[in-house]
């Protein structure tokens, strides 16, 4: 990244990024202005959380129908039920960590991994970045994996950028956090779920989506895993075009999340919630 005082803001000036930022801002403003939001915003928030968790789980290989996620109560089994349960727990936990994020992003990331893993039990790898020689279980991502030393250094660098503050738009910061965590895969498992939860925290904590009604995870799932990985490859290339394409991809995901919540608003308005 750039050595200027505000490297995130530099990314915001990449060609095409300003258009994405503007488009997202207008979409978010529209859904916040919906008449249903004045009376039933808590219902929209709850529904967005459920749909966001479903979308995040789908990108991690558990592509369940929304009604199945809504109906199920037991997520203790291995495989897909465990993934869906982890996504649901993370979505619920993310909103509780906004104040901590501003003081210690690394502490929040550790907490998110612990929550995703369901507590961790006797596994001392849960809730901490991986060490040299430890493997990563992230089958849907085939990108080269940085070694533990590189990962640790870049993770500290990301935290430093966040703590230093930035004039960059929320979309840019959220996309960088999301992309960097996927590139680094700092934990032995659940990195995708954690990265998307961190993106949600940035979007909410920045004030762009304070009520958490614009689930980017829905959009990422709708755009599909193939497009998701291709855009991520652009980010990890480090080229201006690649990074800009990843930010635009994340922006489109937010807009699709807005569309989802707008449809929920309209269903509530019709009395068909």
C-alpha atoms as a PDB file:
ATOM      1  CA  UNK A   1       0.000   0.000   0.000  1.00  0.00           C
ATOM      2  CA  UNK A   2       1.013   3.628  -0.352  1.00  0.00           C
ATOM      3  CA  UNK A   3       3.381   5.268   2.129  1.00  0.00           C
ATOM      4  CA  UNK A   4       1.318   8.463   2.274  1.00  0.00           C
ATOM      5  CA  UNK A   5      -0.317   9.554   5.515  1.00  0.00           C
ATOM      6  CA  UNK A   6      -3.683   8.154   4.496  1.00  0.00           C
ATOM      7  CA  UNK A   7      -3.232   5.153   2.185  1.00  0.00           C
ATOM      8  CA  UNK A   8      -6.882   4.151   2.428  1.00  0.00           C
ATOM      9  CA  UNK A   9      -7.896   7.559   1.111  1.00  0.00           C
ATOM     10  CA  UNK A  10      -5.497   7.048  -1.792  1.00  0.00           C
ATOM     11  CA  UNK A  11      -7.408   3.892  -2.716  1.00  0.00           C
ATOM     12  CA  UNK A  12     -10.584   5.948  -2.688  1.00  0.00           C
ATOM     13  CA  UNK A  13      -9.152   8.030  -5.539  1.00  0.00           C
ATOM     14  CA  UNK A  14      -8.598   5.052  -7.853  1.00  0.00           C
ATOM     15  CA  UNK A  15     -10.451   5.237 -11.189  1.00  0.00           C
ATOM     16  CA  UNK A  16     -14.066   4.126 -10.846  1.00  0.00           C
ATOM     17  CA  UNK A  17     -14.034   3.898  -7.036  1.00  0.00           C
ATOM     18  CA  UNK A  18     -15.669   7.299  -6.540  1.00  0.00           C
ATOM     19  CA  UNK A  19     -18.545   6.197  -8.775  1.00  0.00           C
ATOM     20  CA  UNK A  20     -19.015   3.043  -6.684  1.00  0.00           C
ATOM     21  CA  UNK A  21     -18.930   5.040  -3.455  1.00  0.00           C
ATOM     22  CA  UNK A  22     -21.512   7.502  -4.786  1.00  0.00           C
ATOM     23  CA  UNK A  23     -23.794   4.759  -6.053  1.00  0.00           C
ATOM     24  CA  UNK A  24     -23.678   2.935  -2.710  1.00  0.00           C
ATOM     25  CA  UNK A  25     -24.354   6.117  -0.754  1.00  0.00           C
ATOM     26  CA  UNK A  26     -27.428   6.905  -2.858  1.00  0.00           C
ATOM     27  CA  UNK A  27     -28.754   3.342  -2.542  1.00  0.00           C
ATOM     28  CA  UNK A  28     -28.316   3.341   1.235  1.00  0.00           C
ATOM     29  CA  UNK A  29     -29.987   6.739   1.547  1.00  0.00           C
ATOM     30  CA  UNK A  30     -32.985   5.477  -0.419  1.00  0.00           C
ATOM     31  CA  UNK A  31     -33.653   2.498   1.817  1.00  0.00           C
ATOM     32  CA  UNK A  32     -33.166   4.563   4.961  1.00  0.00           C
ATOM     33  CA  UNK A  33     -35.753   6.976   3.583  1.00  0.00           C
ATOM     34  CA  UNK A  34     -38.358   4.243   3.067  1.00  0.00           C
ATOM     35  CA  UNK A  35     -41.482   4.992   5.060  1.00  0.00           C
ATOM     36  CA  UNK A  36     -41.435   1.560   6.741  1.00  0.00           C
ATOM     37  CA  UNK A  37     -38.042   2.392   8.287  1.00  0.00           C
ATOM     38  CA  UNK A  38     -39.649   5.105  10.402  1.00  0.00           C
ATOM     39  CA  UNK A  39     -41.851   2.599  12.205  1.00  0.00           C
ATOM     40  CA  UNK A  40     -40.359  -0.859  11.873  1.00  0.00           C
ATOM     41  CA  UNK A  41     -36.602  -0.471  11.543  1.00  0.00           C
ATOM     42  CA  UNK A  42     -35.929  -3.127  14.196  1.00  0.00           C
ATOM     43  CA  UNK A  43     -37.743  -5.708  12.090  1.00  0.00           C
ATOM     44  CA  UNK A  44     -35.710  -4.733   9.038  1.00  0.00           C
ATOM     45  CA  UNK A  45     -32.495  -5.029  11.040  1.00  0.00           C
ATOM     46  CA  UNK A  46     -33.417  -8.502  12.293  1.00  0.00           C
ATOM     47  CA  UNK A  47     -34.373  -9.715   8.835  1.00  0.00           C
ATOM     48  CA  UNK A  48     -31.215  -8.246   7.308  1.00  0.00           C
ATOM     49  CA  UNK A  49     -29.135 -10.080   9.921  1.00  0.00           C
ATOM     50  CA  UNK A  50     -30.776 -13.395   9.090  1.00  0.00           C
ATOM     51  CA  UNK A  51     -30.405 -12.923   5.349  1.00  0.00           C
ATOM     52  CA  UNK A  52     -26.838 -11.706   5.742  1.00  0.00           C
ATOM     53  CA  UNK A  53     -25.903 -14.779   7.759  1.00  0.00           C
ATOM     54  CA  UNK A  54     -27.482 -17.028   5.139  1.00  0.00           C
ATOM     55  CA  UNK A  55     -25.500 -15.286   2.405  1.00  0.00           C
ATOM     56  CA  UNK A  56     -22.205 -15.517   4.274  1.00  0.00           C
ATOM     57  CA  UNK A  57     -22.753 -19.209   4.990  1.00  0.00           C
ATOM     58  CA  UNK A  58     -23.542 -19.795   1.302  1.00  0.00           C
ATOM     59  CA  UNK A  59     -20.156 -18.373   0.330  1.00  0.00           C
ATOM     60  CA  UNK A  60     -18.547 -20.768   2.800  1.00  0.00           C
ATOM     61  CA  UNK A  61     -20.195 -23.764   1.183  1.00  0.00           C
ATOM     62  CA  UNK A  62     -23.513 -24.023   3.076  1.00  0.00           C
ATOM     63  CA  UNK A  63     -26.005 -22.637   0.555  1.00  0.00           C
ATOM     64  CA  UNK A  64     -29.276 -23.206   2.405  1.00  0.00           C
ATOM     65  CA  UNK A  65     -32.667 -21.770   1.528  1.00  0.00           C
ATOM     66  CA  UNK A  66     -33.616 -18.817   3.711  1.00  0.00           C
ATOM     67  CA  UNK A  67     -36.636 -20.618   5.137  1.00  0.00           C
ATOM     68  CA  UNK A  68     -34.462 -23.555   6.157  1.00  0.00           C
ATOM     69  CA  UNK A  69     -32.155 -21.204   8.074  1.00  0.00           C
ATOM     70  CA  UNK A  70     -35.187 -19.559   9.652  1.00  0.00           C
ATOM     71  CA  UNK A  71     -36.753 -22.889  10.615  1.00  0.00           C
ATOM     72  CA  UNK A  72     -33.753 -24.727  12.016  1.00  0.00           C
ATOM     73  CA  UNK A  73     -32.792 -24.518  15.669  1.00  0.00           C
ATOM     74  CA  UNK A  74     -30.022 -27.135  15.835  1.00  0.00           C
ATOM     75  CA  UNK A  75     -26.726 -26.118  14.279  1.00  0.00           C
ATOM     76  CA  UNK A  76     -24.496 -28.292  16.402  1.00  0.00           C
ATOM     77  CA  UNK A  77     -23.684 -30.900  13.779  1.00  0.00           C
ATOM     78  CA  UNK A  78     -20.579 -30.956  11.637  1.00  0.00           C
ATOM     79  CA  UNK A  79     -20.377 -29.732   8.059  1.00  0.00           C
ATOM     80  CA  UNK A  80     -22.988 -27.354   6.712  1.00  0.00           C
ATOM     81  CA  UNK A  81     -25.068 -27.003   9.917  1.00  0.00           C
ATOM     82  CA  UNK A  82     -21.946 -25.933  11.780  1.00  0.00           C
ATOM     83  CA  UNK A  83     -21.131 -23.350   9.089  1.00  0.00           C
ATOM     84  CA  UNK A  84     -24.638 -21.877   9.158  1.00  0.00           C
ATOM     85  CA  UNK A  85     -24.578 -21.765  12.957  1.00  0.00           C
ATOM     86  CA  UNK A  86     -21.238 -19.968  12.894  1.00  0.00           C
ATOM     87  CA  UNK A  87     -22.584 -17.374  10.442  1.00  0.00           C
ATOM     88  CA  UNK A  88     -25.646 -16.754  12.599  1.00  0.00           C
ATOM     89  CA  UNK A  89     -23.552 -16.336  15.747  1.00  0.00           C
ATOM     90  CA  UNK A  90     -21.183 -13.937  14.017  1.00  0.00           C
ATOM     91  CA  UNK A  91     -23.983 -11.767  12.696  1.00  0.00           C
ATOM     92  CA  UNK A  92     -25.477 -11.525  16.176  1.00  0.00           C
ATOM     93  CA  UNK A  93     -22.108 -10.780  17.778  1.00  0.00           C
ATOM     94  CA  UNK A  94     -20.886  -8.165  15.293  1.00  0.00           C
ATOM     95  CA  UNK A  95     -23.228  -5.455  16.540  1.00  0.00           C
ATOM     96  CA  UNK A  96     -21.896  -5.838  20.080  1.00  0.00           C
ATOM     97  CA  UNK A  97     -18.295  -5.149  19.102  1.00  0.00           C
ATOM     98  CA  UNK A  98     -18.405  -1.708  17.498  1.00  0.00           C
ATOM     99  CA  UNK A  99     -16.849   0.187  20.400  1.00  0.00           C
ATOM    100  CA  UNK A 100     -14.122  -2.415  20.869  1.00  0.00           C
ATOM    101  CA  UNK A 101     -13.320  -2.336  17.140  1.00  0.00           C
ATOM    102  CA  UNK A 102     -12.428   1.348  17.364  1.00  0.00           C
ATOM    103  CA  UNK A 103      -9.887   0.577  20.099  1.00  0.00           C
ATOM    104  CA  UNK A 104      -8.559  -2.851  19.121  1.00  0.00           C
ATOM    105  CA  UNK A 105      -9.483  -4.404  15.768  1.00  0.00           C
ATOM    106  CA  UNK A 106      -7.252  -7.405  16.459  1.00  0.00           C
ATOM    107  CA  UNK A 107      -9.097  -8.145  19.679  1.00  0.00           C
ATOM    108  CA  UNK A 108     -12.381  -8.077  17.792  1.00  0.00           C
ATOM    109  CA  UNK A 109     -11.061 -10.406  15.093  1.00  0.00           C
ATOM    110  CA  UNK A 110      -9.947 -12.864  17.773  1.00  0.00           C
ATOM    111  CA  UNK A 111     -13.388 -12.651  19.359  1.00  0.00           C
ATOM    112  CA  UNK A 112     -15.109 -13.216  16.020  1.00  0.00           C
ATOM    113  CA  UNK A 113     -13.070 -16.343  15.417  1.00  0.00           C
ATOM    114  CA  UNK A 114     -13.867 -17.624  18.889  1.00  0.00           C
ATOM    115  CA  UNK A 115     -17.586 -17.031  18.306  1.00  0.00           C
ATOM    116  CA  UNK A 116     -17.491 -18.684  14.885  1.00  0.00           C
ATOM    117  CA  UNK A 117     -15.821 -21.751  16.358  1.00  0.00           C
ATOM    118  CA  UNK A 118     -18.448 -21.978  19.057  1.00  0.00           C
ATOM    119  CA  UNK A 119     -16.143 -21.378  22.011  1.00  0.00           C
ATOM    120  CA  UNK A 120     -13.157 -23.444  21.012  1.00  0.00           C
ATOM    121  CA  UNK A 121     -13.016 -25.895  23.900  1.00  0.00           C
ATOM    122  CA  UNK A 122      -9.513 -27.272  24.379  1.00  0.00           C
ATOM    123  CA  UNK A 123      -8.247 -26.115  20.968  1.00  0.00           C
ATOM    124  CA  UNK A 124      -5.697 -23.395  21.713  1.00  0.00           C
ATOM    125  CA  UNK A 125      -5.648 -22.330  18.044  1.00  0.00           C
ATOM    126  CA  UNK A 126      -9.142 -20.870  18.386  1.00  0.00           C
ATOM    127  CA  UNK A 127      -9.250 -17.109  18.823  1.00  0.00           C
ATOM    128  CA  UNK A 128      -5.647 -16.387  17.862  1.00  0.00           C
ATOM    129  CA  UNK A 129      -3.758 -15.925  14.576  1.00  0.00           C
ATOM    130  CA  UNK A 130      -2.106 -19.066  13.216  1.00  0.00           C
ATOM    131  CA  UNK A 131       1.490 -19.906  13.999  1.00  0.00           C
ATOM    132  CA  UNK A 132       4.222 -21.230  11.709  1.00  0.00           C
ATOM    133  CA  UNK A 133       3.392 -24.710  10.476  1.00  0.00           C
ATOM    134  CA  UNK A 134      -0.321 -24.527  11.272  1.00  0.00           C
ATOM    135  CA  UNK A 135      -2.709 -25.285   8.437  1.00  0.00           C
ATOM    136  CA  UNK A 136      -5.749 -23.360   7.227  1.00  0.00           C
ATOM    137  CA  UNK A 137      -9.091 -24.963   6.432  1.00  0.00           C
ATOM    138  CA  UNK A 138     -10.595 -22.673   3.785  1.00  0.00           C
ATOM    139  CA  UNK A 139     -11.406 -24.987   0.872  1.00  0.00           C
ATOM    140  CA  UNK A 140     -13.161 -22.428  -1.323  1.00  0.00           C
ATOM    141  CA  UNK A 141     -10.120 -20.134  -1.488  1.00  0.00           C
ATOM    142  CA  UNK A 142      -7.140 -21.430  -3.464  1.00  0.00           C
ATOM    143  CA  UNK A 143      -5.043 -18.264  -3.333  1.00  0.00           C
ATOM    144  CA  UNK A 144      -1.420 -18.507  -2.193  1.00  0.00           C
ATOM    145  CA  UNK A 145      -1.284 -18.460   1.605  1.00  0.00           C
ATOM    146  CA  UNK A 146       1.150 -16.010   3.238  1.00  0.00           C
ATOM    147  CA  UNK A 147       3.390 -17.603   5.847  1.00  0.00           C
ATOM    148  CA  UNK A 148       2.755 -16.849   9.518  1.00  0.00           C
ATOM    149  CA  UNK A 149       5.366 -14.094   9.748  1.00  0.00           C
ATOM    150  CA  UNK A 150       4.071 -12.228   6.703  1.00  0.00           C
ATOM    151  CA  UNK A 151       0.492 -12.688   7.856  1.00  0.00           C
ATOM    152  CA  UNK A 152       1.272 -11.339  11.328  1.00  0.00           C
ATOM    153  CA  UNK A 153       3.078  -8.292   9.964  1.00  0.00           C
ATOM    154  CA  UNK A 154       0.316  -7.425   7.509  1.00  0.00           C
ATOM    155  CA  UNK A 155      -2.363  -7.978  10.138  1.00  0.00           C
ATOM    156  CA  UNK A 156      -0.599  -5.569  12.496  1.00  0.00           C
ATOM    157  CA  UNK A 157      -0.267  -3.118   9.618  1.00  0.00           C
ATOM    158  CA  UNK A 158      -3.988  -3.315   8.877  1.00  0.00           C
ATOM    159  CA  UNK A 159      -4.815  -2.707  12.530  1.00  0.00           C
ATOM    160  CA  UNK A 160      -2.462   0.262  12.555  1.00  0.00           C
ATOM    161  CA  UNK A 161      -4.177   1.787   9.540  1.00  0.00           C
ATOM    162  CA  UNK A 162      -7.586   1.401  11.165  1.00  0.00           C
ATOM    163  CA  UNK A 163      -6.458   2.880  14.474  1.00  0.00           C
ATOM    164  CA  UNK A 164      -4.776   5.826  12.744  1.00  0.00           C
ATOM    165  CA  UNK A 165      -8.085   6.816  11.183  1.00  0.00           C
ATOM    166  CA  UNK A 166      -8.769   7.699   7.586  1.00  0.00           C
ATOM    167  CA  UNK A 167     -10.745  10.087   5.418  1.00  0.00           C
ATOM    168  CA  UNK A 168     -11.492   7.207   3.054  1.00  0.00           C
ATOM    169  CA  UNK A 169     -15.153   6.395   2.354  1.00  0.00           C
ATOM    170  CA  UNK A 170     -16.617   3.590   4.449  1.00  0.00           C
ATOM    171  CA  UNK A 171     -16.965   1.347   1.396  1.00  0.00           C
ATOM    172  CA  UNK A 172     -13.222   1.565   0.704  1.00  0.00           C
ATOM    173  CA  UNK A 173     -12.246   0.776   4.296  1.00  0.00           C
ATOM    174  CA  UNK A 174     -14.735  -2.098   4.514  1.00  0.00           C
ATOM    175  CA  UNK A 175     -13.528  -3.576   1.222  1.00  0.00           C
ATOM    176  CA  UNK A 176      -9.870  -3.376   2.274  1.00  0.00           C
ATOM    177  CA  UNK A 177     -10.575  -5.023   5.638  1.00  0.00           C
ATOM    178  CA  UNK A 178     -12.587  -7.752   3.924  1.00  0.00           C
ATOM    179  CA  UNK A 179     -10.033  -8.323   1.164  1.00  0.00           C
ATOM    180  CA  UNK A 180      -6.994  -8.253   3.417  1.00  0.00           C
ATOM    181  CA  UNK A 181      -8.466 -10.782   5.851  1.00  0.00           C
ATOM    182  CA  UNK A 182      -9.330 -13.128   2.995  1.00  0.00           C
ATOM    183  CA  UNK A 183      -5.860 -12.720   1.520  1.00  0.00           C
ATOM    184  CA  UNK A 184      -4.134 -13.363   4.864  1.00  0.00           C
ATOM    185  CA  UNK A 185      -6.485 -16.020   6.296  1.00  0.00           C
ATOM    186  CA  UNK A 186      -5.072 -15.356   9.768  1.00  0.00           C
ATOM    187  CA  UNK A 187      -7.007 -18.149  11.480  1.00  0.00           C
ATOM    188  CA  UNK A 188      -7.038 -21.877  11.018  1.00  0.00           C
ATOM    189  CA  UNK A 189     -10.721 -21.853  10.046  1.00  0.00           C
ATOM    190  CA  UNK A 190     -13.745 -19.626   9.356  1.00  0.00           C
ATOM    191  CA  UNK A 191     -11.702 -16.849   7.743  1.00  0.00           C
ATOM    192  CA  UNK A 192     -14.362 -16.080   5.145  1.00  0.00           C
ATOM    193  CA  UNK A 193     -17.090 -15.762   7.752  1.00  0.00           C
ATOM    194  CA  UNK A 194     -14.865 -13.591   9.946  1.00  0.00           C
ATOM    195  CA  UNK A 195     -13.863 -11.352   7.013  1.00  0.00           C
ATOM    196  CA  UNK A 196     -17.479 -10.727   6.049  1.00  0.00           C
ATOM    197  CA  UNK A 197     -18.450 -10.024   9.666  1.00  0.00           C
ATOM    198  CA  UNK A 198     -15.595  -7.513   9.860  1.00  0.00           C
ATOM    199  CA  UNK A 199     -16.857  -5.852   6.681  1.00  0.00           C
ATOM    200  CA  UNK A 200     -20.271  -5.527   8.338  1.00  0.00           C
ATOM    201  CA  UNK A 201     -18.707  -3.960  11.451  1.00  0.00           C
ATOM    202  CA  UNK A 202     -16.926  -1.324   9.346  1.00  0.00           C
ATOM    203  CA  UNK A 203     -20.046  -0.453   7.355  1.00  0.00           C
ATOM    204  CA  UNK A 204     -22.113  -0.087  10.521  1.00  0.00           C
ATOM    205  CA  UNK A 205     -19.495   1.605  12.681  1.00  0.00           C
ATOM    206  CA  UNK A 206     -18.615   4.127   9.974  1.00  0.00           C
ATOM    207  CA  UNK A 207     -22.143   5.474   9.966  1.00  0.00           C
ATOM    208  CA  UNK A 208     -22.863   4.384   6.399  1.00  0.00           C
ATOM    209  CA  UNK A 209     -25.301   1.713   7.637  1.00  0.00           C
ATOM    210  CA  UNK A 210     -25.830   2.457  11.342  1.00  0.00           C
ATOM    211  CA  UNK A 211     -28.911   0.236  11.700  1.00  0.00           C
ATOM    212  CA  UNK A 212     -27.242  -2.678   9.868  1.00  0.00           C
ATOM    213  CA  UNK A 213     -29.979  -3.018   7.272  1.00  0.00           C
ATOM    214  CA  UNK A 214     -27.795  -3.316   4.143  1.00  0.00           C
ATOM    215  CA  UNK A 215     -26.418  -6.878   4.251  1.00  0.00           C
ATOM    216  CA  UNK A 216     -23.472  -6.962   1.866  1.00  0.00           C
ATOM    217  CA  UNK A 217     -23.248 -10.715   2.466  1.00  0.00           C
ATOM    218  CA  UNK A 218     -26.518 -11.116   0.555  1.00  0.00           C
ATOM    219  CA  UNK A 219     -24.999  -9.336  -2.413  1.00  0.00           C
ATOM    220  CA  UNK A 220     -21.752 -11.278  -2.292  1.00  0.00           C
ATOM    221  CA  UNK A 221     -23.727 -14.520  -2.371  1.00  0.00           C
ATOM    222  CA  UNK A 222     -25.968 -13.312  -5.175  1.00  0.00           C
ATOM    223  CA  UNK A 223     -22.984 -12.302  -7.296  1.00  0.00           C
ATOM    224  CA  UNK A 224     -21.661 -15.832  -6.775  1.00  0.00           C
ATOM    225  CA  UNK A 225     -18.547 -17.480  -5.440  1.00  0.00           C
ATOM    226  CA  UNK A 226     -16.817 -17.474  -8.822  1.00  0.00           C
ATOM    227  CA  UNK A 227     -17.104 -13.692  -9.179  1.00  0.00           C
ATOM    228  CA  UNK A 228     -16.172 -13.290  -5.513  1.00  0.00           C
ATOM    229  CA  UNK A 229     -12.930 -15.226  -5.908  1.00  0.00           C
ATOM    230  CA  UNK A 230     -12.105 -13.503  -9.206  1.00  0.00           C
ATOM    231  CA  UNK A 231     -12.542 -10.078  -7.632  1.00  0.00           C
ATOM    232  CA  UNK A 232     -10.460 -11.144  -4.648  1.00  0.00           C
ATOM    233  CA  UNK A 233      -7.682 -12.248  -6.993  1.00  0.00           C
ATOM    234  CA  UNK A 234      -7.714  -8.727  -8.383  1.00  0.00           C
ATOM    235  CA  UNK A 235      -7.284  -7.339  -4.881  1.00  0.00           C
ATOM    236  CA  UNK A 236      -4.424  -9.679  -4.029  1.00  0.00           C
ATOM    237  CA  UNK A 237      -2.660  -8.744  -7.272  1.00  0.00           C
ATOM    238  CA  UNK A 238      -2.064  -5.338  -5.721  1.00  0.00           C
ATOM    239  CA  UNK A 239      -2.563  -3.543  -9.048  1.00  0.00           C
ATOM    240  CA  UNK A 240      -4.656  -0.360  -9.036  1.00  0.00           C
ATOM    241  CA  UNK A 241      -7.159  -1.896 -11.452  1.00  0.00           C
ATOM    242  CA  UNK A 242      -7.411  -5.075  -9.406  1.00  0.00           C
ATOM    243  CA  UNK A 243      -7.937  -3.251  -6.120  1.00  0.00           C
ATOM    244  CA  UNK A 244     -10.466  -0.884  -7.709  1.00  0.00           C
ATOM    245  CA  UNK A 245     -12.375  -3.858  -9.150  1.00  0.00           C
ATOM    246  CA  UNK A 246     -12.544  -5.483  -5.702  1.00  0.00           C
ATOM    247  CA  UNK A 247     -13.860  -2.278  -4.131  1.00  0.00           C
ATOM    248  CA  UNK A 248     -16.446  -1.979  -6.902  1.00  0.00           C
ATOM    249  CA  UNK A 249     -17.437  -5.620  -6.356  1.00  0.00           C
ATOM    250  CA  UNK A 250     -17.974  -4.925  -2.645  1.00  0.00           C
ATOM    251  CA  UNK A 251     -19.981  -1.839  -3.551  1.00  0.00           C
ATOM    252  CA  UNK A 252     -22.228  -3.842  -5.820  1.00  0.00           C
ATOM    253  CA  UNK A 253     -22.715  -6.355  -2.995  1.00  0.00           C
ATOM    254  CA  UNK A 254     -23.885  -3.585  -0.667  1.00  0.00           C
ATOM    255  CA  UNK A 255     -26.296  -2.312  -3.320  1.00  0.00           C
ATOM    256  CA  UNK A 256     -27.765  -5.804  -3.710  1.00  0.00           C
ATOM    257  CA  UNK A 257     -28.107  -5.995   0.069  1.00  0.00           C
ATOM    258  CA  UNK A 258     -29.977  -2.694  -0.078  1.00  0.00           C
ATOM    259  CA  UNK A 259     -32.262  -4.140  -2.743  1.00  0.00           C
ATOM    260  CA  UNK A 260     -32.983  -7.120  -0.486  1.00  0.00           C
ATOM    261  CA  UNK A 261     -33.925  -4.926   2.467  1.00  0.00           C
ATOM    262  CA  UNK A 262     -35.987  -2.648   0.239  1.00  0.00           C
ATOM    263  CA  UNK A 263     -38.003  -5.701  -0.798  1.00  0.00           C
ATOM    264  CA  UNK A 264     -38.505  -6.556   2.891  1.00  0.00           C
ATOM    265  CA  UNK A 265     -39.711  -2.989   3.526  1.00  0.00           C
ATOM    266  CA  UNK A 266     -42.185  -3.240   0.679  1.00  0.00           C
ATOM    267  CA  UNK A 267     -43.456  -6.606   1.900  1.00  0.00           C
ATOM    268  CA  UNK A 268     -44.033  -5.146   5.367  1.00  0.00           C
ATOM    269  CA  UNK A 269     -45.791  -2.170   3.825  1.00  0.00           C
ATOM    270  CA  UNK A 270     -48.133  -4.522   1.987  1.00  0.00           C
ATOM    271  CA  UNK A 271     -48.727  -6.477   5.181  1.00  0.00           C
ATOM    272  CA  UNK A 272     -47.063  -9.580   3.741  1.00  0.00           C
ATOM    273  CA  UNK A 273     -44.033  -9.780   6.057  1.00  0.00           C
END
